[in-house]
Amino acid sequence: MLVSFLLNCTVLSAMDNHTSVVQKINIEGIHTHEVVLANFRASNDPLEYLRTVALKNIDGGDLDAHRQKATAIRLLGRIGGTNAFATVVHELDFVDKSSGSFPASYALIDMGETVVPPLFEHILTLDPVKDHLRISSAAWAMRNILGDQQFDNLLEGNRQRIPALTYQVLYARDALR
């Protein structure tokens, strides 16, 4: 991202007065991540700081707020643990409007195979109509953690426990990407 920013500044410096607007957008994106990291490091309770930012309700299209929330969710994925997992799972349907990504899916991938059993159990509690996006996001993460064959084996081995509609959502490959 920093390389992209530097390239944008170099290329855009020769352009007209729109340059400062584009540079400002790129700088804000980098600045947002730096602010979250700095506050995380300075906090007396860094995990609670990240959880608070990750669970914050965002109204409208405030891209800076989206970046902050996405950064906090991704950092929780790197930290791992029960509290981080609970927060990340709560945010499975959050779409970062600044990038179009689902940061909770990536956070779960960062957490690794240990999250698959509790994530699978969580999916079984969700309503496949109301929580379609949450199930799809979780399925995408599990498929990326386990690989296609192990993911398919997990579903087939638990076929009797999975409601029919949930099963269809779980097998809808690439629904999010």
C-alpha atoms as a PDB file:
ATOM      1  CA  MET A   1       0.000   0.000   0.000  1.00  0.00           C
ATOM      2  CA  LEU A   2       2.848   2.375   0.851  1.00  0.00           C
ATOM      3  CA  VAL A   3       4.480   1.615  -2.483  1.00  0.00           C
ATOM      4  CA  SER A   4       1.198   2.354  -4.228  1.00  0.00           C
ATOM      5  CA  PHE A   5       0.934   5.630  -2.330  1.00  0.00           C
ATOM      6  CA  LEU A   6       4.455   6.646  -3.318  1.00  0.00           C
ATOM      7  CA  LEU A   7       3.815   5.767  -6.948  1.00  0.00           C
ATOM      8  CA  ASN A   8       0.578   7.747  -6.921  1.00  0.00           C
ATOM      9  CA  CYS A   9       2.325  10.800  -5.489  1.00  0.00           C
ATOM     10  CA  THR A  10       5.133  10.596  -8.043  1.00  0.00           C
ATOM     11  CA  VAL A  11       2.835  10.163 -11.027  1.00  0.00           C
ATOM     12  CA  LEU A  12       0.257  12.653  -9.847  1.00  0.00           C
ATOM     13  CA  SER A  13       2.715  15.400  -8.952  1.00  0.00           C
ATOM     14  CA  ALA A  14       2.939  16.294 -12.647  1.00  0.00           C
ATOM     15  CA  MET A  15      -0.847  16.587 -12.996  1.00  0.00           C
ATOM     16  CA  ASP A  16      -3.217  19.506 -12.408  1.00  0.00           C
ATOM     17  CA  ASN A  17      -4.750  20.682  -9.134  1.00  0.00           C
ATOM     18  CA  HIS A  18      -6.697  17.411  -8.618  1.00  0.00           C
ATOM     19  CA  THR A  19      -3.429  15.932  -7.409  1.00  0.00           C
ATOM     20  CA  SER A  20      -3.858  17.148  -3.840  1.00  0.00           C
ATOM     21  CA  VAL A  21      -7.285  15.508  -3.557  1.00  0.00           C
ATOM     22  CA  VAL A  22      -5.990  12.100  -4.663  1.00  0.00           C
ATOM     23  CA  GLN A  23      -2.910  12.408  -2.451  1.00  0.00           C
ATOM     24  CA  LYS A  24      -5.121  13.341   0.508  1.00  0.00           C
ATOM     25  CA  ILE A  25      -7.259  10.223   0.006  1.00  0.00           C
ATOM     26  CA  ASN A  26      -4.185   7.980  -0.092  1.00  0.00           C
ATOM     27  CA  ILE A  27      -2.620   9.670   2.915  1.00  0.00           C
ATOM     28  CA  GLU A  28      -5.858   9.318   4.896  1.00  0.00           C
ATOM     29  CA  GLY A  29      -5.944   5.571   4.197  1.00  0.00           C
ATOM     30  CA  ILE A  30      -2.417   5.122   5.526  1.00  0.00           C
ATOM     31  CA  HIS A  31      -3.036   7.567   8.363  1.00  0.00           C
ATOM     32  CA  THR A  32      -6.142   5.667   9.523  1.00  0.00           C
ATOM     33  CA  HIS A  33      -4.194   2.427   9.933  1.00  0.00           C
ATOM     34  CA  GLU A  34      -1.405   4.268  11.740  1.00  0.00           C
ATOM     35  CA  VAL A  35      -3.882   5.895  14.149  1.00  0.00           C
ATOM     36  CA  VAL A  36      -5.463   2.550  15.034  1.00  0.00           C
ATOM     37  CA  LEU A  37      -2.036   0.980  15.554  1.00  0.00           C
ATOM     38  CA  ALA A  38      -0.798   3.891  17.658  1.00  0.00           C
ATOM     39  CA  ASN A  39      -3.913   3.857  19.855  1.00  0.00           C
ATOM     40  CA  PHE A  40      -3.645   0.075  20.163  1.00  0.00           C
ATOM     41  CA  ARG A  41      -0.043   0.338  21.345  1.00  0.00           C
ATOM     42  CA  ALA A  42      -0.791   3.203  23.741  1.00  0.00           C
ATOM     43  CA  SER A  43      -3.894   1.634  25.286  1.00  0.00           C
ATOM     44  CA  ASN A  44      -3.880   0.230  28.825  1.00  0.00           C
ATOM     45  CA  ASP A  45      -6.058  -2.585  27.487  1.00  0.00           C
ATOM     46  CA  PRO A  46      -5.158  -3.026  23.801  1.00  0.00           C
ATOM     47  CA  LEU A  47      -7.563  -5.901  23.206  1.00  0.00           C
ATOM     48  CA  GLU A  48     -10.472  -3.920  24.630  1.00  0.00           C
ATOM     49  CA  TYR A  49      -9.501  -0.925  22.475  1.00  0.00           C
ATOM     50  CA  LEU A  50      -9.618  -3.095  19.333  1.00  0.00           C
ATOM     51  CA  ARG A  51     -12.894  -4.712  20.395  1.00  0.00           C
ATOM     52  CA  THR A  52     -14.461  -1.277  20.940  1.00  0.00           C
ATOM     53  CA  VAL A  53     -13.375  -0.043  17.506  1.00  0.00           C
ATOM     54  CA  ALA A  54     -14.424  -3.305  15.820  1.00  0.00           C
ATOM     55  CA  LEU A  55     -17.879  -3.321  17.410  1.00  0.00           C
ATOM     56  CA  LYS A  56     -18.568   0.347  16.692  1.00  0.00           C
ATOM     57  CA  ASN A  57     -21.723   0.943  14.635  1.00  0.00           C
ATOM     58  CA  ILE A  58     -20.989   2.929  11.505  1.00  0.00           C
ATOM     59  CA  ASP A  59     -23.716   5.054  10.015  1.00  0.00           C
ATOM     60  CA  GLY A  60     -23.395   6.142   6.417  1.00  0.00           C
ATOM     61  CA  GLY A  61     -20.385   6.006   4.190  1.00  0.00           C
ATOM     62  CA  ASP A  62     -17.647   7.405   6.455  1.00  0.00           C
ATOM     63  CA  LEU A  63     -14.687   5.668   4.780  1.00  0.00           C
ATOM     64  CA  ASP A  64     -12.318   6.604   7.595  1.00  0.00           C
ATOM     65  CA  ALA A  65     -14.586   4.870  10.129  1.00  0.00           C
ATOM     66  CA  HIS A  66     -14.765   1.831   7.830  1.00  0.00           C
ATOM     67  CA  ARG A  67     -10.974   1.712   7.582  1.00  0.00           C
ATOM     68  CA  GLN A  68     -10.607   1.971  11.356  1.00  0.00           C
ATOM     69  CA  LYS A  69     -13.102  -0.799  11.984  1.00  0.00           C
ATOM     70  CA  ALA A  70     -11.556  -3.039   9.320  1.00  0.00           C
ATOM     71  CA  THR A  71      -8.074  -2.464  10.731  1.00  0.00           C
ATOM     72  CA  ALA A  72      -9.252  -3.326  14.249  1.00  0.00           C
ATOM     73  CA  ILE A  73     -10.949  -6.512  13.040  1.00  0.00           C
ATOM     74  CA  ARG A  74      -7.855  -7.607  11.112  1.00  0.00           C
ATOM     75  CA  LEU A  75      -5.627  -6.919  14.143  1.00  0.00           C
ATOM     76  CA  LEU A  76      -7.934  -9.022  16.304  1.00  0.00           C
ATOM     77  CA  GLY A  77      -7.377 -11.834  13.826  1.00  0.00           C
ATOM     78  CA  ARG A  78      -3.635 -11.535  14.261  1.00  0.00           C
ATOM     79  CA  ILE A  79      -3.965 -11.546  18.064  1.00  0.00           C
ATOM     80  CA  GLY A  80      -6.397 -14.462  18.220  1.00  0.00           C
ATOM     81  CA  GLY A  81      -7.898 -15.843  21.423  1.00  0.00           C
ATOM     82  CA  THR A  82     -11.438 -16.338  22.659  1.00  0.00           C
ATOM     83  CA  ASN A  83     -12.319 -12.659  23.100  1.00  0.00           C
ATOM     84  CA  ALA A  84     -10.914 -11.752  19.703  1.00  0.00           C
ATOM     85  CA  PHE A  85     -12.768 -14.667  18.087  1.00  0.00           C
ATOM     86  CA  ALA A  86     -16.112 -13.615  19.600  1.00  0.00           C
ATOM     87  CA  THR A  87     -15.711 -10.065  18.313  1.00  0.00           C
ATOM     88  CA  VAL A  88     -14.603 -11.155  14.846  1.00  0.00           C
ATOM     89  CA  VAL A  89     -17.520 -13.592  14.524  1.00  0.00           C
ATOM     90  CA  HIS A  90     -19.897 -10.822  15.573  1.00  0.00           C
ATOM     91  CA  GLU A  91     -18.622  -8.771  12.610  1.00  0.00           C
ATOM     92  CA  LEU A  92     -18.860 -11.490   9.927  1.00  0.00           C
ATOM     93  CA  ASP A  93     -21.289  -9.424   7.861  1.00  0.00           C
ATOM     94  CA  PHE A  94     -19.354  -6.147   8.062  1.00  0.00           C
ATOM     95  CA  VAL A  95     -18.288  -4.915   4.620  1.00  0.00           C
ATOM     96  CA  ASP A  96     -15.458  -2.390   4.605  1.00  0.00           C
ATOM     97  CA  LYS A  97     -16.788   0.198   2.164  1.00  0.00           C
ATOM     98  CA  SER A  98     -13.300   1.641   1.667  1.00  0.00           C
ATOM     99  CA  SER A  99     -12.111  -1.641   0.104  1.00  0.00           C
ATOM    100  CA  GLY A 100     -15.220  -3.777  -0.488  1.00  0.00           C
ATOM    101  CA  SER A 101     -13.738  -6.576   1.625  1.00  0.00           C
ATOM    102  CA  PHE A 102     -15.010  -8.634   4.541  1.00  0.00           C
ATOM    103  CA  PRO A 103     -12.276  -8.101   7.154  1.00  0.00           C
ATOM    104  CA  ALA A 104     -13.722 -10.689   9.550  1.00  0.00           C
ATOM    105  CA  SER A 105     -13.171 -13.437   6.955  1.00  0.00           C
ATOM    106  CA  TYR A 106      -9.526 -12.460   6.649  1.00  0.00           C
ATOM    107  CA  ALA A 107      -9.180 -12.198  10.428  1.00  0.00           C
ATOM    108  CA  LEU A 108     -10.514 -15.741  10.820  1.00  0.00           C
ATOM    109  CA  ILE A 109      -8.035 -16.976   8.213  1.00  0.00           C
ATOM    110  CA  ASP A 110      -5.250 -15.307  10.211  1.00  0.00           C
ATOM    111  CA  MET A 111      -6.460 -17.134  13.335  1.00  0.00           C
ATOM    112  CA  GLY A 112      -6.058 -20.473  11.576  1.00  0.00           C
ATOM    113  CA  GLU A 113      -7.503 -23.957  11.988  1.00  0.00           C
ATOM    114  CA  THR A 114      -8.310 -23.580  15.682  1.00  0.00           C
ATOM    115  CA  VAL A 115     -11.305 -21.397  14.800  1.00  0.00           C
ATOM    116  CA  VAL A 116     -12.937 -23.920  12.468  1.00  0.00           C
ATOM    117  CA  PRO A 117     -14.785 -26.037  15.090  1.00  0.00           C
ATOM    118  CA  PRO A 118     -16.308 -23.088  17.004  1.00  0.00           C
ATOM    119  CA  LEU A 119     -17.017 -21.241  13.757  1.00  0.00           C
ATOM    120  CA  PHE A 120     -18.793 -24.278  12.332  1.00  0.00           C
ATOM    121  CA  GLU A 121     -20.880 -24.609  15.511  1.00  0.00           C
ATOM    122  CA  HIS A 122     -21.740 -20.905  15.294  1.00  0.00           C
ATOM    123  CA  ILE A 123     -22.919 -21.307  11.703  1.00  0.00           C
ATOM    124  CA  LEU A 124     -25.347 -24.001  12.806  1.00  0.00           C
ATOM    125  CA  THR A 125     -27.081 -21.458  15.079  1.00  0.00           C
ATOM    126  CA  LEU A 126     -27.659 -18.915  12.295  1.00  0.00           C
ATOM    127  CA  ASP A 127     -30.797 -18.376  10.243  1.00  0.00           C
ATOM    128  CA  PRO A 128     -29.802 -19.078   6.605  1.00  0.00           C
ATOM    129  CA  VAL A 129     -32.223 -16.478   5.255  1.00  0.00           C
ATOM    130  CA  LYS A 130     -31.525 -13.635   7.661  1.00  0.00           C
ATOM    131  CA  ASP A 131     -27.819 -14.462   8.146  1.00  0.00           C
ATOM    132  CA  HIS A 132     -26.938 -15.500   4.588  1.00  0.00           C
ATOM    133  CA  LEU A 133     -24.033 -13.047   4.400  1.00  0.00           C
ATOM    134  CA  ARG A 134     -22.640 -14.137   7.784  1.00  0.00           C
ATOM    135  CA  ILE A 135     -22.767 -17.807   6.762  1.00  0.00           C
ATOM    136  CA  SER A 136     -21.170 -17.062   3.377  1.00  0.00           C
ATOM    137  CA  SER A 137     -18.402 -15.041   5.011  1.00  0.00           C
ATOM    138  CA  ALA A 138     -17.701 -17.811   7.526  1.00  0.00           C
ATOM    139  CA  ALA A 139     -17.778 -20.483   4.811  1.00  0.00           C
ATOM    140  CA  TRP A 140     -15.314 -18.526   2.675  1.00  0.00           C
ATOM    141  CA  ALA A 141     -12.957 -18.241   5.645  1.00  0.00           C
ATOM    142  CA  MET A 142     -13.237 -21.945   6.522  1.00  0.00           C
ATOM    143  CA  ARG A 143     -12.697 -22.988   2.907  1.00  0.00           C
ATOM    144  CA  ASN A 144      -9.548 -20.834   2.783  1.00  0.00           C
ATOM    145  CA  ILE A 145      -8.284 -22.206   6.089  1.00  0.00           C
ATOM    146  CA  LEU A 146      -8.944 -25.863   5.346  1.00  0.00           C
ATOM    147  CA  GLY A 147      -8.727 -26.048   1.585  1.00  0.00           C
ATOM    148  CA  ASP A 148     -11.509 -27.310  -0.663  1.00  0.00           C
ATOM    149  CA  GLN A 149     -11.199 -31.018   0.113  1.00  0.00           C
ATOM    150  CA  GLN A 150     -11.096 -30.685   3.910  1.00  0.00           C
ATOM    151  CA  PHE A 151     -13.938 -28.175   3.837  1.00  0.00           C
ATOM    152  CA  ASP A 152     -16.046 -30.535   1.720  1.00  0.00           C
ATOM    153  CA  ASN A 153     -15.200 -33.392   4.108  1.00  0.00           C
ATOM    154  CA  LEU A 154     -16.283 -31.262   7.087  1.00  0.00           C
ATOM    155  CA  LEU A 155     -19.645 -30.547   5.482  1.00  0.00           C
ATOM    156  CA  GLU A 156     -20.222 -34.108   4.316  1.00  0.00           C
ATOM    157  CA  GLY A 157     -19.245 -35.512   7.725  1.00  0.00           C
ATOM    158  CA  ASN A 158     -21.786 -33.245   9.405  1.00  0.00           C
ATOM    159  CA  ARG A 159     -24.480 -33.395   6.724  1.00  0.00           C
ATOM    160  CA  GLN A 160     -27.193 -34.593   9.111  1.00  0.00           C
ATOM    161  CA  ARG A 161     -26.589 -31.647  11.484  1.00  0.00           C
ATOM    162  CA  ILE A 162     -26.739 -28.932   8.833  1.00  0.00           C
ATOM    163  CA  PRO A 163     -30.163 -27.531   7.864  1.00  0.00           C
ATOM    164  CA  ALA A 164     -30.813 -27.855   4.123  1.00  0.00           C
ATOM    165  CA  LEU A 165     -30.801 -24.144   3.342  1.00  0.00           C
ATOM    166  CA  THR A 166     -27.660 -23.559   5.435  1.00  0.00           C
ATOM    167  CA  TYR A 167     -26.013 -26.399   3.516  1.00  0.00           C
ATOM    168  CA  GLN A 168     -26.805 -24.665   0.219  1.00  0.00           C
ATOM    169  CA  VAL A 169     -25.355 -21.385   1.479  1.00  0.00           C
ATOM    170  CA  LEU A 170     -22.207 -23.170   2.699  1.00  0.00           C
ATOM    171  CA  TYR A 171     -21.711 -24.788  -0.696  1.00  0.00           C
ATOM    172  CA  ALA A 172     -22.256 -21.611  -2.707  1.00  0.00           C
ATOM    173  CA  ARG A 173     -18.596 -21.194  -3.694  1.00  0.00           C
ATOM    174  CA  ASP A 174     -17.239 -17.722  -4.152  1.00  0.00           C
ATOM    175  CA  ALA A 175     -20.481 -16.090  -3.041  1.00  0.00           C
ATOM    176  CA  LEU A 176     -18.484 -13.276  -1.464  1.00  0.00           C
ATOM    177  CA  ARG A 177     -15.551 -12.895  -3.798  1.00  0.00           C
END
